[in-house]
Structure formats: structure tokens, C-alpha cells
Amino acid sequence: MSFDPKTLTFNSDGLLPAIAQQHDTGEVLMLAWMNADSVAETLRTGRVTYWSRSRRSYWRKGETSGNIQRLIEMRLDCDRDCLLLSVDQTGPACHTNRRSCFYTAVRGDGETILTDPE
């Protein structure tokens, strides 16, 4: 069965959230946004390409940092309005130079900054 990115349910800005998860550990790395063209480019090249809302342009992960994401598998949620990207991440995924963007834990009424595993 062939896949057409235009069958996805995009928001009013033509975007949908994409969660990147390390394929072999299950670690959630980041959330970013994609449009139909970035989904198609990702599937065509195997290199994850997002849409940068702040720059209003395509953003191929790792293009300047070298911390690329290679697509292993793309999954759609039941409403077809969110993607789960199983990736092979090279280096940190977060622009803060951490492995994951999810490094702040809220516990009780406080925040704790987590360290990356060695």
C-alpha cells in the first residue's frame, strides 16, 4: 500500500508534531514540526527533515551540527495528526548539546535538571 503525506491531518498552519525516539533504546529525544513536503523529503532521503517555525524554512537535522537523525521507521497515530519517528541519532539531539530535549523533570513542586547518561 503506497503512502501519501497529504493524507495526514495537518493543523491550520499546515504542520503536525513529530516525536523523535531513539530506535534501539526507546529514549524520547525531541519534538519538532513537519509539513507534507518535509515528510516526503524524510521518506525520500532517509534523513529526517523538519519545518522550522521560527525560521519558516526546512531544517534537516544535523545539517550544521553533524548530529543527524537517520529514519528507521515512521509511525502515524490513530488520528493521523502526529508522527512517531524511530531514528538513529548521531550525537546530541537537543540544541543545548544534551542527548534529549526532555532533561527537566518536575517532581512535586520543583524542577530537577537531569544529567545525560555517561
PDB file of N, CA and C in Angstrom:
ATOM      1  N   MET A   1       0.843  -1.176   0.000  1.00  0.00           N
ATOM      2  CA  MET A   1       0.000   0.000   0.000  1.00  0.00           C
ATOM      3  C   MET A   1       0.892   1.244   0.000  1.00  0.00           C
ATOM      4  N   SER A   2       0.711   2.132  -0.935  1.00  0.00           N
ATOM      5  CA  SER A   2       1.541   3.337  -1.008  1.00  0.00           C
ATOM      6  C   SER A   2       1.044   4.384  -0.008  1.00  0.00           C
ATOM      7  N   PHE A   3       1.959   5.258   0.399  1.00  0.00           N
ATOM      8  CA  PHE A   3       1.648   6.285   1.388  1.00  0.00           C
ATOM      9  C   PHE A   3       1.746   7.658   0.751  1.00  0.00           C
ATOM     10  N   ASP A   4       0.738   8.498   1.000  1.00  0.00           N
ATOM     11  CA  ASP A   4       0.723   9.868   0.523  1.00  0.00           C
ATOM     12  C   ASP A   4       0.683  10.799   1.734  1.00  0.00           C
ATOM     13  N   PRO A   5       1.727  11.622   1.960  1.00  0.00           N
ATOM     14  CA  PRO A   5       1.740  12.524   3.109  1.00  0.00           C
ATOM     15  C   PRO A   5       0.528  13.453   3.171  1.00  0.00           C
ATOM     16  N   LYS A   6      -0.109  13.686   2.049  1.00  0.00           N
ATOM     17  CA  LYS A   6      -1.271  14.582   2.038  1.00  0.00           C
ATOM     18  C   LYS A   6      -2.477  13.964   2.737  1.00  0.00           C
ATOM     19  N   THR A   7      -2.401  12.665   3.077  1.00  0.00           N
ATOM     20  CA  THR A   7      -3.496  12.020   3.810  1.00  0.00           C
ATOM     21  C   THR A   7      -3.387  12.259   5.314  1.00  0.00           C
ATOM     22  N   LEU A   8      -2.311  12.926   5.748  1.00  0.00           N
ATOM     23  CA  LEU A   8      -2.151  13.246   7.157  1.00  0.00           C
ATOM     24  C   LEU A   8      -3.043  14.439   7.521  1.00  0.00           C
ATOM     25  N   THR A   9      -3.337  14.594   8.799  1.00  0.00           N
ATOM     26  CA  THR A   9      -4.177  15.688   9.274  1.00  0.00           C
ATOM     27  C   THR A   9      -3.277  16.779   9.850  1.00  0.00           C
ATOM     28  N   PHE A  10      -3.084  17.833   9.086  1.00  0.00           N
ATOM     29  CA  PHE A  10      -2.224  18.939   9.478  1.00  0.00           C
ATOM     30  C   PHE A  10      -3.042  20.022  10.175  1.00  0.00           C
ATOM     31  N   ASN A  11      -2.388  20.819  11.031  1.00  0.00           N
ATOM     32  CA  ASN A  11      -3.091  21.908  11.701  1.00  0.00           C
ATOM     33  C   ASN A  11      -3.311  23.063  10.725  1.00  0.00           C
ATOM     34  N   SER A  12      -3.855  24.168  11.224  1.00  0.00           N
ATOM     35  CA  SER A  12      -4.189  25.302  10.352  1.00  0.00           C
ATOM     36  C   SER A  12      -2.956  25.943   9.715  1.00  0.00           C
ATOM     37  N   ASP A  13      -1.771  25.676  10.270  1.00  0.00           N
ATOM     38  CA  ASP A  13      -0.525  26.177   9.687  1.00  0.00           C
ATOM     39  C   ASP A  13       0.105  25.170   8.728  1.00  0.00           C
ATOM     40  N   GLY A  14      -0.589  24.038   8.493  1.00  0.00           N
ATOM     41  CA  GLY A  14      -0.061  23.017   7.590  1.00  0.00           C
ATOM     42  C   GLY A  14       1.007  22.151   8.228  1.00  0.00           C
ATOM     43  N   LEU A  15       1.019  22.063   9.560  1.00  0.00           N
ATOM     44  CA  LEU A  15       2.047  21.331  10.294  1.00  0.00           C
ATOM     45  C   LEU A  15       1.445  20.246  11.177  1.00  0.00           C
ATOM     46  N   LEU A  16       2.282  19.289  11.540  1.00  0.00           N
ATOM     47  CA  LEU A  16       1.906  18.324  12.566  1.00  0.00           C
ATOM     48  C   LEU A  16       3.137  18.008  13.402  1.00  0.00           C
ATOM     49  N   PRO A  17       2.922  17.662  14.691  1.00  0.00           N
ATOM     50  CA  PRO A  17       4.062  17.355  15.554  1.00  0.00           C
ATOM     51  C   PRO A  17       4.672  16.013  15.201  1.00  0.00           C
ATOM     52  N   ALA A  18       5.991  15.951  15.363  1.00  0.00           N
ATOM     53  CA  ALA A  18       6.735  14.725  15.118  1.00  0.00           C
ATOM     54  C   ALA A  18       7.646  14.477  16.316  1.00  0.00           C
ATOM     55  N   ILE A  19       7.471  13.332  16.942  1.00  0.00           N
ATOM     56  CA  ILE A  19       8.271  12.953  18.097  1.00  0.00           C
ATOM     57  C   ILE A  19       9.384  12.042  17.613  1.00  0.00           C
ATOM     58  N   ALA A  20      10.621  12.398  17.936  1.00  0.00           N
ATOM     59  CA  ALA A  20      11.776  11.573  17.561  1.00  0.00           C
ATOM     60  C   ALA A  20      12.171  10.710  18.752  1.00  0.00           C
ATOM     61  N   GLN A  21      12.319   9.413  18.498  1.00  0.00           N
ATOM     62  CA  GLN A  21      12.654   8.440  19.528  1.00  0.00           C
ATOM     63  C   GLN A  21      13.805   7.576  19.031  1.00  0.00           C
ATOM     64  N   GLN A  22      14.814   7.378  19.888  1.00  0.00           N
ATOM     65  CA  GLN A  22      15.946   6.532  19.526  1.00  0.00           C
ATOM     66  C   GLN A  22      15.445   5.101  19.311  1.00  0.00           C
ATOM     67  N   HIS A  23      15.747   4.538  18.151  1.00  0.00           N
ATOM     68  CA  HIS A  23      15.167   3.255  17.746  1.00  0.00           C
ATOM     69  C   HIS A  23      15.554   2.080  18.628  1.00  0.00           C
ATOM     70  N   ASP A  24      16.761   2.054  19.186  1.00  0.00           N
ATOM     71  CA  ASP A  24      17.202   0.876  19.921  1.00  0.00           C
ATOM     72  C   ASP A  24      17.041   0.968  21.433  1.00  0.00           C
ATOM     73  N   THR A  25      16.795   2.179  21.954  1.00  0.00           N
ATOM     74  CA  THR A  25      16.641   2.334  23.404  1.00  0.00           C
ATOM     75  C   THR A  25      15.245   2.786  23.813  1.00  0.00           C
ATOM     76  N   GLY A  26      14.499   3.359  22.865  1.00  0.00           N
ATOM     77  CA  GLY A  26      13.182   3.896  23.187  1.00  0.00           C
ATOM     78  C   GLY A  26      13.235   5.284  23.801  1.00  0.00           C
ATOM     79  N   GLU A  27      14.429   5.844  23.963  1.00  0.00           N
ATOM     80  CA  GLU A  27      14.569   7.171  24.559  1.00  0.00           C
ATOM     81  C   GLU A  27      13.897   8.223  23.676  1.00  0.00           C
ATOM     82  N   VAL A  28      13.036   9.048  24.286  1.00  0.00           N
ATOM     83  CA  VAL A  28      12.398  10.146  23.566  1.00  0.00           C
ATOM     84  C   VAL A  28      13.413  11.278  23.472  1.00  0.00           C
ATOM     85  N   LEU A  29      13.708  11.703  22.252  1.00  0.00           N
ATOM     86  CA  LEU A  29      14.764  12.682  22.025  1.00  0.00           C
ATOM     87  C   LEU A  29      14.251  14.107  21.899  1.00  0.00           C
ATOM     88  N   MET A  30      13.200  14.294  21.137  1.00  0.00           N
ATOM     89  CA  MET A  30      12.734  15.647  20.853  1.00  0.00           C
ATOM     90  C   MET A  30      11.370  15.636  20.192  1.00  0.00           C
ATOM     91  N   LEU A  31      10.768  16.813  20.124  1.00  0.00           N
ATOM     92  CA  LEU A  31       9.550  17.041  19.361  1.00  0.00           C
ATOM     93  C   LEU A  31       9.816  18.207  18.424  1.00  0.00           C
ATOM     94  N   ALA A  32       9.417  18.057  17.191  1.00  0.00           N
ATOM     95  CA  ALA A  32       9.554  19.142  16.215  1.00  0.00           C
ATOM     96  C   ALA A  32       8.329  19.090  15.310  1.00  0.00           C
ATOM     97  N   TRP A  33       8.311  19.913  14.291  1.00  0.00           N
ATOM     98  CA  TRP A  33       7.151  20.031  13.405  1.00  0.00           C
ATOM     99  C   TRP A  33       7.526  19.649  11.982  1.00  0.00           C
ATOM    100  N   MET A  34       6.564  19.084  11.276  1.00  0.00           N
ATOM    101  CA  MET A  34       6.761  18.719   9.875  1.00  0.00           C
ATOM    102  C   MET A  34       5.553  19.163   9.059  1.00  0.00           C
ATOM    103  N   ASN A  35       5.793  19.465   7.787  1.00  0.00           N
ATOM    104  CA  ASN A  35       4.699  19.687   6.848  1.00  0.00           C
ATOM    105  C   ASN A  35       4.742  18.557   5.817  1.00  0.00           C
ATOM    106  N   ALA A  36       3.838  18.577   4.861  1.00  0.00           N
ATOM    107  CA  ALA A  36       3.755  17.480   3.888  1.00  0.00           C
ATOM    108  C   ALA A  36       5.064  17.316   3.122  1.00  0.00           C
ATOM    109  N   ASP A  37       5.696  18.424   2.754  1.00  0.00           N
ATOM    110  CA  ASP A  37       6.941  18.339   1.982  1.00  0.00           C
ATOM    111  C   ASP A  37       8.098  17.792   2.818  1.00  0.00           C
ATOM    112  N   SER A  38       8.178  18.165   4.105  1.00  0.00           N
ATOM    113  CA  SER A  38       9.270  17.648   4.931  1.00  0.00           C
ATOM    114  C   SER A  38       9.060  16.158   5.224  1.00  0.00           C
ATOM    115  N   VAL A  39       7.811  15.730   5.343  1.00  0.00           N
ATOM    116  CA  VAL A  39       7.533  14.296   5.495  1.00  0.00           C
ATOM    117  C   VAL A  39       8.003  13.550   4.249  1.00  0.00           C
ATOM    118  N   ALA A  40       7.631  14.071   3.087  1.00  0.00           N
ATOM    119  CA  ALA A  40       8.022  13.437   1.820  1.00  0.00           C
ATOM    120  C   ALA A  40       9.537  13.406   1.657  1.00  0.00           C
ATOM    121  N   GLU A  41      10.217  14.497   2.005  1.00  0.00           N
ATOM    122  CA  GLU A  41      11.686  14.572   1.898  1.00  0.00           C
ATOM    123  C   GLU A  41      12.344  13.563   2.839  1.00  0.00           C
ATOM    124  N   THR A  42      11.812  13.451   4.047  1.00  0.00           N
ATOM    125  CA  THR A  42      12.338  12.486   5.016  1.00  0.00           C
ATOM    126  C   THR A  42      12.211  11.068   4.478  1.00  0.00           C
ATOM    127  N   LEU A  43      11.064  10.732   3.928  1.00  0.00           N
ATOM    128  CA  LEU A  43      10.848   9.389   3.390  1.00  0.00           C
ATOM    129  C   LEU A  43      11.721   9.135   2.156  1.00  0.00           C
ATOM    130  N   ARG A  44      11.921  10.166   1.345  1.00  0.00           N
ATOM    131  CA  ARG A  44      12.710  10.021   0.124  1.00  0.00           C
ATOM    132  C   ARG A  44      14.190   9.817   0.419  1.00  0.00           C
ATOM    133  N   THR A  45      14.719  10.566   1.421  1.00  0.00           N
ATOM    134  CA  THR A  45      16.163  10.563   1.666  1.00  0.00           C
ATOM    135  C   THR A  45      16.594   9.685   2.842  1.00  0.00           C
ATOM    136  N   GLY A  46      15.682   9.420   3.770  1.00  0.00           N
ATOM    137  CA  GLY A  46      16.047   8.690   4.979  1.00  0.00           C
ATOM    138  C   GLY A  46      16.705   9.566   6.030  1.00  0.00           C
ATOM    139  N   ARG A  47      16.903  10.842   5.734  1.00  0.00           N
ATOM    140  CA  ARG A  47      17.412  11.840   6.689  1.00  0.00           C
ATOM    141  C   ARG A  47      16.234  12.669   7.155  1.00  0.00           C
ATOM    142  N   VAL A  48      16.067  12.784   8.471  1.00  0.00           N
ATOM    143  CA  VAL A  48      14.890  13.480   8.988  1.00  0.00           C
ATOM    144  C   VAL A  48      14.994  14.973   8.702  1.00  0.00           C
ATOM    145  N   THR A  49      13.927  15.498   8.095  1.00  0.00           N
ATOM    146  CA  THR A  49      13.822  16.906   7.755  1.00  0.00           C
ATOM    147  C   THR A  49      12.574  17.465   8.416  1.00  0.00           C
ATOM    148  N   TYR A  50      12.734  18.545   9.153  1.00  0.00           N
ATOM    149  CA  TYR A  50      11.622  19.187   9.853  1.00  0.00           C
ATOM    150  C   TYR A  50      11.308  20.531   9.203  1.00  0.00           C
ATOM    151  N   TRP A  51      10.252  21.176   9.700  1.00  0.00           N
ATOM    152  CA  TRP A  51       9.929  22.544   9.312  1.00  0.00           C
ATOM    153  C   TRP A  51      10.193  23.426  10.534  1.00  0.00           C
ATOM    154  N   SER A  52      11.055  24.399  10.398  1.00  0.00           N
ATOM    155  CA  SER A  52      11.359  25.319  11.488  1.00  0.00           C
ATOM    156  C   SER A  52      10.315  26.430  11.500  1.00  0.00           C
ATOM    157  N   ARG A  53       9.541  26.484  12.566  1.00  0.00           N
ATOM    158  CA  ARG A  53       8.512  27.526  12.679  1.00  0.00           C
ATOM    159  C   ARG A  53       9.139  28.894  12.855  1.00  0.00           C
ATOM    160  N   SER A  54      10.253  28.992  13.578  1.00  0.00           N
ATOM    161  CA  SER A  54      10.882  30.297  13.814  1.00  0.00           C
ATOM    162  C   SER A  54      11.568  30.834  12.558  1.00  0.00           C
ATOM    163  N   ARG A  55      12.239  29.963  11.810  1.00  0.00           N
ATOM    164  CA  ARG A  55      12.941  30.402  10.584  1.00  0.00           C
ATOM    165  C   ARG A  55      12.057  30.342   9.351  1.00  0.00           C
ATOM    166  N   ARG A  56      10.922  29.654   9.492  1.00  0.00           N
ATOM    167  CA  ARG A  56       9.985  29.458   8.377  1.00  0.00           C
ATOM    168  C   ARG A  56      10.703  28.844   7.169  1.00  0.00           C
ATOM    169  N   SER A  57      11.460  27.768   7.474  1.00  0.00           N
ATOM    170  CA  SER A  57      12.187  27.076   6.420  1.00  0.00           C
ATOM    171  C   SER A  57      12.429  25.630   6.836  1.00  0.00           C
ATOM    172  N   TYR A  58      12.881  24.832   5.872  1.00  0.00           N
ATOM    173  CA  TYR A  58      13.186  23.433   6.159  1.00  0.00           C
ATOM    174  C   TYR A  58      14.446  23.342   7.002  1.00  0.00           C
ATOM    175  N   TRP A  59      14.480  22.316   7.817  1.00  0.00           N
ATOM    176  CA  TRP A  59      15.585  22.115   8.735  1.00  0.00           C
ATOM    177  C   TRP A  59      15.927  20.633   8.721  1.00  0.00           C
ATOM    178  N   ARG A  60      16.998  20.286   8.031  1.00  0.00           N
ATOM    179  CA  ARG A  60      17.470  18.901   8.017  1.00  0.00           C
ATOM    180  C   ARG A  60      18.320  18.713   9.260  1.00  0.00           C
ATOM    181  N   LYS A  61      17.848  17.872  10.166  1.00  0.00           N
ATOM    182  CA  LYS A  61      18.508  17.681  11.459  1.00  0.00           C
ATOM    183  C   LYS A  61      19.974  17.295  11.254  1.00  0.00           C
ATOM    184  N   GLY A  62      20.863  18.074  11.887  1.00  0.00           N
ATOM    185  CA  GLY A  62      22.294  17.805  11.825  1.00  0.00           C
ATOM    186  C   GLY A  62      23.014  18.440  10.660  1.00  0.00           C
ATOM    187  N   GLU A  63      22.322  19.215   9.854  1.00  0.00           N
ATOM    188  CA  GLU A  63      22.955  19.805   8.672  1.00  0.00           C
ATOM    189  C   GLU A  63      24.152  20.688   9.035  1.00  0.00           C
ATOM    190  N   THR A  64      24.050  21.424  10.134  1.00  0.00           N
ATOM    191  CA  THR A  64      25.181  22.257  10.548  1.00  0.00           C
ATOM    192  C   THR A  64      25.963  21.638  11.707  1.00  0.00           C
ATOM    193  N   SER A  65      25.293  20.910  12.601  1.00  0.00           N
ATOM    194  CA  SER A  65      25.956  20.350  13.782  1.00  0.00           C
ATOM    195  C   SER A  65      26.606  18.998  13.528  1.00  0.00           C
ATOM    196  N   GLY A  66      26.137  18.282  12.517  1.00  0.00           N
ATOM    197  CA  GLY A  66      26.610  16.925  12.272  1.00  0.00           C
ATOM    198  C   GLY A  66      25.856  15.881  13.090  1.00  0.00           C
ATOM    199  N   ASN A  67      24.925  16.325  13.937  1.00  0.00           N
ATOM    200  CA  ASN A  67      24.145  15.425  14.788  1.00  0.00           C
ATOM    201  C   ASN A  67      22.869  14.994  14.048  1.00  0.00           C
ATOM    202  N   ILE A  68      23.052  14.150  13.060  1.00  0.00           N
ATOM    203  CA  ILE A  68      21.966  13.784  12.153  1.00  0.00           C
ATOM    204  C   ILE A  68      21.014  12.758  12.767  1.00  0.00           C
ATOM    205  N   GLN A  69      19.831  12.710  12.183  1.00  0.00           N
ATOM    206  CA  GLN A  69      18.854  11.674  12.509  1.00  0.00           C
ATOM    207  C   GLN A  69      18.580  10.888  11.234  1.00  0.00           C
ATOM    208  N   ARG A  70      18.853   9.596  11.300  1.00  0.00           N
ATOM    209  CA  ARG A  70      18.540   8.702  10.185  1.00  0.00           C
ATOM    210  C   ARG A  70      17.233   8.000  10.518  1.00  0.00           C
ATOM    211  N   LEU A  71      16.285   8.076   9.617  1.00  0.00           N
ATOM    212  CA  LEU A  71      14.969   7.476   9.840  1.00  0.00           C
ATOM    213  C   LEU A  71      15.047   5.957   9.769  1.00  0.00           C
ATOM    214  N   ILE A  72      14.538   5.301  10.805  1.00  0.00           N
ATOM    215  CA  ILE A  72      14.399   3.855  10.815  1.00  0.00           C
ATOM    216  C   ILE A  72      12.957   3.485  10.442  1.00  0.00           C
ATOM    217  N   GLU A  73      11.999   4.162  11.066  1.00  0.00           N
ATOM    218  CA  GLU A  73      10.583   3.887  10.795  1.00  0.00           C
ATOM    219  C   GLU A  73       9.762   5.119  11.158  1.00  0.00           C
ATOM    220  N   MET A  74       8.699   5.358  10.399  1.00  0.00           N
ATOM    221  CA  MET A  74       7.755   6.428  10.693  1.00  0.00           C
ATOM    222  C   MET A  74       6.414   5.781  11.019  1.00  0.00           C
ATOM    223  N   ARG A  75       5.831   6.198  12.138  1.00  0.00           N
ATOM    224  CA  ARG A  75       4.515   5.696  12.526  1.00  0.00           C
ATOM    225  C   ARG A  75       3.535   6.849  12.642  1.00  0.00           C
ATOM    226  N   LEU A  76       2.282   6.562  12.306  1.00  0.00           N
ATOM    227  CA  LEU A  76       1.205   7.545  12.393  1.00  0.00           C
ATOM    228  C   LEU A  76       0.355   7.213  13.601  1.00  0.00           C
ATOM    229  N   ASP A  77      -0.152   8.239  14.290  1.00  0.00           N
ATOM    230  CA  ASP A  77      -1.089   7.938  15.360  1.00  0.00           C
ATOM    231  C   ASP A  77      -2.472   7.694  14.751  1.00  0.00           C
ATOM    232  N   CYS A  78      -3.417   7.278  15.590  1.00  0.00           N
ATOM    233  CA  CYS A  78      -4.733   6.848  15.101  1.00  0.00           C
ATOM    234  C   CYS A  78      -5.510   7.955  14.401  1.00  0.00           C
ATOM    235  N   ASP A  79      -5.263   9.222  14.767  1.00  0.00           N
ATOM    236  CA  ASP A  79      -5.946  10.350  14.118  1.00  0.00           C
ATOM    237  C   ASP A  79      -5.169  10.900  12.925  1.00  0.00           C
ATOM    238  N   ARG A  80      -4.000  10.350  12.684  1.00  0.00           N
ATOM    239  CA  ARG A  80      -3.124  10.776  11.583  1.00  0.00           C
ATOM    240  C   ARG A  80      -2.707  12.240  11.717  1.00  0.00           C
ATOM    241  N   ASP A  81      -2.620  12.717  12.996  1.00  0.00           N
ATOM    242  CA  ASP A  81      -2.229  14.106  13.212  1.00  0.00           C
ATOM    243  C   ASP A  81      -0.964  14.255  14.057  1.00  0.00           C
ATOM    244  N   CYS A  82      -0.224  13.159  14.219  1.00  0.00           N
ATOM    245  CA  CYS A  82       1.044  13.172  14.945  1.00  0.00           C
ATOM    246  C   CYS A  82       1.894  12.016  14.427  1.00  0.00           C
ATOM    247  N   LEU A  83       3.195  12.250  14.344  1.00  0.00           N
ATOM    248  CA  LEU A  83       4.116  11.221  13.868  1.00  0.00           C
ATOM    249  C   LEU A  83       5.057  10.790  14.986  1.00  0.00           C
ATOM    250  N   LEU A  84       5.403   9.522  14.972  1.00  0.00           N
ATOM    251  CA  LEU A  84       6.456   8.984  15.836  1.00  0.00           C
ATOM    252  C   LEU A  84       7.564   8.520  14.906  1.00  0.00           C
ATOM    253  N   LEU A  85       8.725   9.171  15.028  1.00  0.00           N
ATOM    254  CA  LEU A  85       9.865   8.848  14.181  1.00  0.00           C
ATOM    255  C   LEU A  85      10.853   8.011  14.968  1.00  0.00           C
ATOM    256  N   SER A  86      11.044   6.791  14.558  1.00  0.00           N
ATOM    257  CA  SER A  86      12.071   5.942  15.130  1.00  0.00           C
ATOM    258  C   SER A  86      13.344   6.272  14.365  1.00  0.00           C
ATOM    259  N   VAL A  87      14.355   6.775  15.084  1.00  0.00           N
ATOM    260  CA  VAL A  87      15.550   7.300  14.425  1.00  0.00           C
ATOM    261  C   VAL A  87      16.818   6.700  15.006  1.00  0.00           C
ATOM    262  N   ASP A  88      17.882   6.821  14.241  1.00  0.00           N
ATOM    263  CA  ASP A  88      19.219   6.550  14.739  1.00  0.00           C
ATOM    264  C   ASP A  88      19.879   7.916  14.856  1.00  0.00           C
ATOM    265  N   GLN A  89      20.004   8.405  16.081  1.00  0.00           N
ATOM    266  CA  GLN A  89      20.535   9.737  16.357  1.00  0.00           C
ATOM    267  C   GLN A  89      22.046   9.680  16.498  1.00  0.00           C
ATOM    268  N   THR A  90      22.750  10.550  15.767  1.00  0.00           N
ATOM    269  CA  THR A  90      24.191  10.721  15.925  1.00  0.00           C
ATOM    270  C   THR A  90      24.414  11.928  16.817  1.00  0.00           C
ATOM    271  N   GLY A  91      25.057  11.727  17.969  1.00  0.00           N
ATOM    272  CA  GLY A  91      25.335  12.834  18.878  1.00  0.00           C
ATOM    273  C   GLY A  91      24.089  13.334  19.574  1.00  0.00           C
ATOM    274  N   PRO A  92      24.185  14.531  20.179  1.00  0.00           N
ATOM    275  CA  PRO A  92      23.050  15.103  20.902  1.00  0.00           C
ATOM    276  C   PRO A  92      21.896  15.444  19.953  1.00  0.00           C
ATOM    277  N   ALA A  93      20.680  15.306  20.458  1.00  0.00           N
ATOM    278  CA  ALA A  93      19.508  15.703  19.678  1.00  0.00           C
ATOM    279  C   ALA A  93      19.104  17.139  19.987  1.00  0.00           C
ATOM    280  N   CYS A  94      19.412  17.597  21.199  1.00  0.00           N
ATOM    281  CA  CYS A  94      18.957  18.912  21.655  1.00  0.00           C
ATOM    282  C   CYS A  94      19.966  20.004  21.307  1.00  0.00           C
ATOM    283  N   HIS A  95      19.458  21.190  21.012  1.00  0.00           N
ATOM    284  CA  HIS A  95      20.340  22.323  20.711  1.00  0.00           C
ATOM    285  C   HIS A  95      21.142  22.770  21.929  1.00  0.00           C
ATOM    286  N   THR A  96      20.793  22.264  23.134  1.00  0.00           N
ATOM    287  CA  THR A  96      21.550  22.572  24.351  1.00  0.00           C
ATOM    288  C   THR A  96      22.747  21.638  24.506  1.00  0.00           C
ATOM    289  N   ASN A  97      22.954  20.784  23.511  1.00  0.00           N
ATOM    290  CA  ASN A  97      24.039  19.794  23.473  1.00  0.00           C
ATOM    291  C   ASN A  97      23.786  18.613  24.418  1.00  0.00           C
ATOM    292  N   ARG A  98      22.521  18.412  24.784  1.00  0.00           N
ATOM    293  CA  ARG A  98      22.145  17.240  25.571  1.00  0.00           C
ATOM    294  C   ARG A  98      21.588  16.181  24.628  1.00  0.00           C
ATOM    295  N   ARG A  99      21.629  14.958  25.054  1.00  0.00           N
ATOM    296  CA  ARG A  99      21.127  13.844  24.247  1.00  0.00           C
ATOM    297  C   ARG A  99      19.651  14.027  23.912  1.00  0.00           C
ATOM    298  N   SER A 100      18.848  14.424  24.894  1.00  0.00           N
ATOM    299  CA  SER A 100      17.400  14.578  24.732  1.00  0.00           C
ATOM    300  C   SER A 100      16.997  15.995  25.129  1.00  0.00           C
ATOM    301  N   CYS A 101      15.948  16.500  24.523  1.00  0.00           N
ATOM    302  CA  CYS A 101      15.397  17.799  24.911  1.00  0.00           C
ATOM    303  C   CYS A 101      14.621  17.704  26.228  1.00  0.00           C
ATOM    304  N   PHE A 102      14.294  16.494  26.646  1.00  0.00           N
ATOM    305  CA  PHE A 102      13.487  16.288  27.841  1.00  0.00           C
ATOM    306  C   PHE A 102      14.383  15.994  29.045  1.00  0.00           C
ATOM    307  N   TYR A 103      15.128  17.001  29.486  1.00  0.00           N
ATOM    308  CA  TYR A 103      16.085  16.833  30.570  1.00  0.00           C
ATOM    309  C   TYR A 103      15.658  17.522  31.864  1.00  0.00           C
ATOM    310  N   THR A 104      14.486  18.146  31.890  1.00  0.00           N
ATOM    311  CA  THR A 104      13.974  18.778  33.106  1.00  0.00           C
ATOM    312  C   THR A 104      12.803  17.973  33.632  1.00  0.00           C
ATOM    313  N   ALA A 105      12.932  17.475  34.861  1.00  0.00           N
ATOM    314  CA  ALA A 105      11.868  16.698  35.499  1.00  0.00           C
ATOM    315  C   ALA A 105      11.143  17.576  36.514  1.00  0.00           C
ATOM    316  N   VAL A 106       9.815  17.525  36.510  1.00  0.00           N
ATOM    317  CA  VAL A 106       9.011  18.205  37.519  1.00  0.00           C
ATOM    318  C   VAL A 106       8.617  17.152  38.541  1.00  0.00           C
ATOM    319  N   ARG A 107       9.060  17.366  39.771  1.00  0.00           N
ATOM    320  CA  ARG A 107       8.809  16.409  40.851  1.00  0.00           C
ATOM    321  C   ARG A 107       8.244  17.185  42.031  1.00  0.00           C
ATOM    322  N   GLY A 108       6.999  16.850  42.373  1.00  0.00           N
ATOM    323  CA  GLY A 108       6.344  17.614  43.430  1.00  0.00           C
ATOM    324  C   GLY A 108       6.147  19.043  42.963  1.00  0.00           C
ATOM    325  N   ASP A 109       6.692  20.007  43.703  1.00  0.00           N
ATOM    326  CA  ASP A 109       6.539  21.407  43.312  1.00  0.00           C
ATOM    327  C   ASP A 109       7.848  22.012  42.804  1.00  0.00           C
ATOM    328  N   GLY A 110       8.792  21.146  42.437  1.00  0.00           N
ATOM    329  CA  GLY A 110      10.078  21.646  41.974  1.00  0.00           C
ATOM    330  C   GLY A 110      10.547  21.010  40.683  1.00  0.00           C
ATOM    331  N   GLU A 111      11.570  21.616  40.116  1.00  0.00           N
ATOM    332  CA  GLU A 111      12.187  21.111  38.893  1.00  0.00           C
ATOM    333  C   GLU A 111      13.560  20.556  39.196  1.00  0.00           C
ATOM    334  N   THR A 112      13.915  19.478  38.487  1.00  0.00           N
ATOM    335  CA  THR A 112      15.230  18.892  38.616  1.00  0.00           C
ATOM    336  C   THR A 112      15.829  18.744  37.224  1.00  0.00           C
ATOM    337  N   ILE A 113      17.044  19.247  37.039  1.00  0.00           N
ATOM    338  CA  ILE A 113      17.755  19.095  35.777  1.00  0.00           C
ATOM    339  C   ILE A 113      18.452  17.734  35.816  1.00  0.00           C
ATOM    340  N   LEU A 114      18.132  16.883  34.882  1.00  0.00           N
ATOM    341  CA  LEU A 114      18.712  15.552  34.808  1.00  0.00           C
ATOM    342  C   LEU A 114      20.022  15.587  34.041  1.00  0.00           C
ATOM    343  N   THR A 115      20.914  14.694  34.349  1.00  0.00           N
ATOM    344  CA  THR A 115      22.166  14.606  33.592  1.00  0.00           C
ATOM    345  C   THR A 115      22.025  13.512  32.552  1.00  0.00           C
ATOM    346  N   ASP A 116      22.739  13.679  31.478  1.00  0.00           N
ATOM    347  CA  ASP A 116      22.751  12.639  30.443  1.00  0.00           C
ATOM    348  C   ASP A 116      23.483  11.420  30.968  1.00  0.00           C
ATOM    349  N   PRO A 117      23.037  10.231  30.579  1.00  0.00           N
ATOM    350  CA  PRO A 117      23.781   9.036  30.974  1.00  0.00           C
ATOM    351  C   PRO A 117      25.173   9.055  30.355  1.00  0.00           C
ATOM    352  N   GLU A 118      26.126   8.546  31.071  1.00  0.00           N
ATOM    353  CA  GLU A 118      27.517   8.510  30.585  1.00  0.00           C
ATOM    354  C   GLU A 118      27.658   7.499  29.485  1.00  0.00           C
TER     355      GLU A 118
END
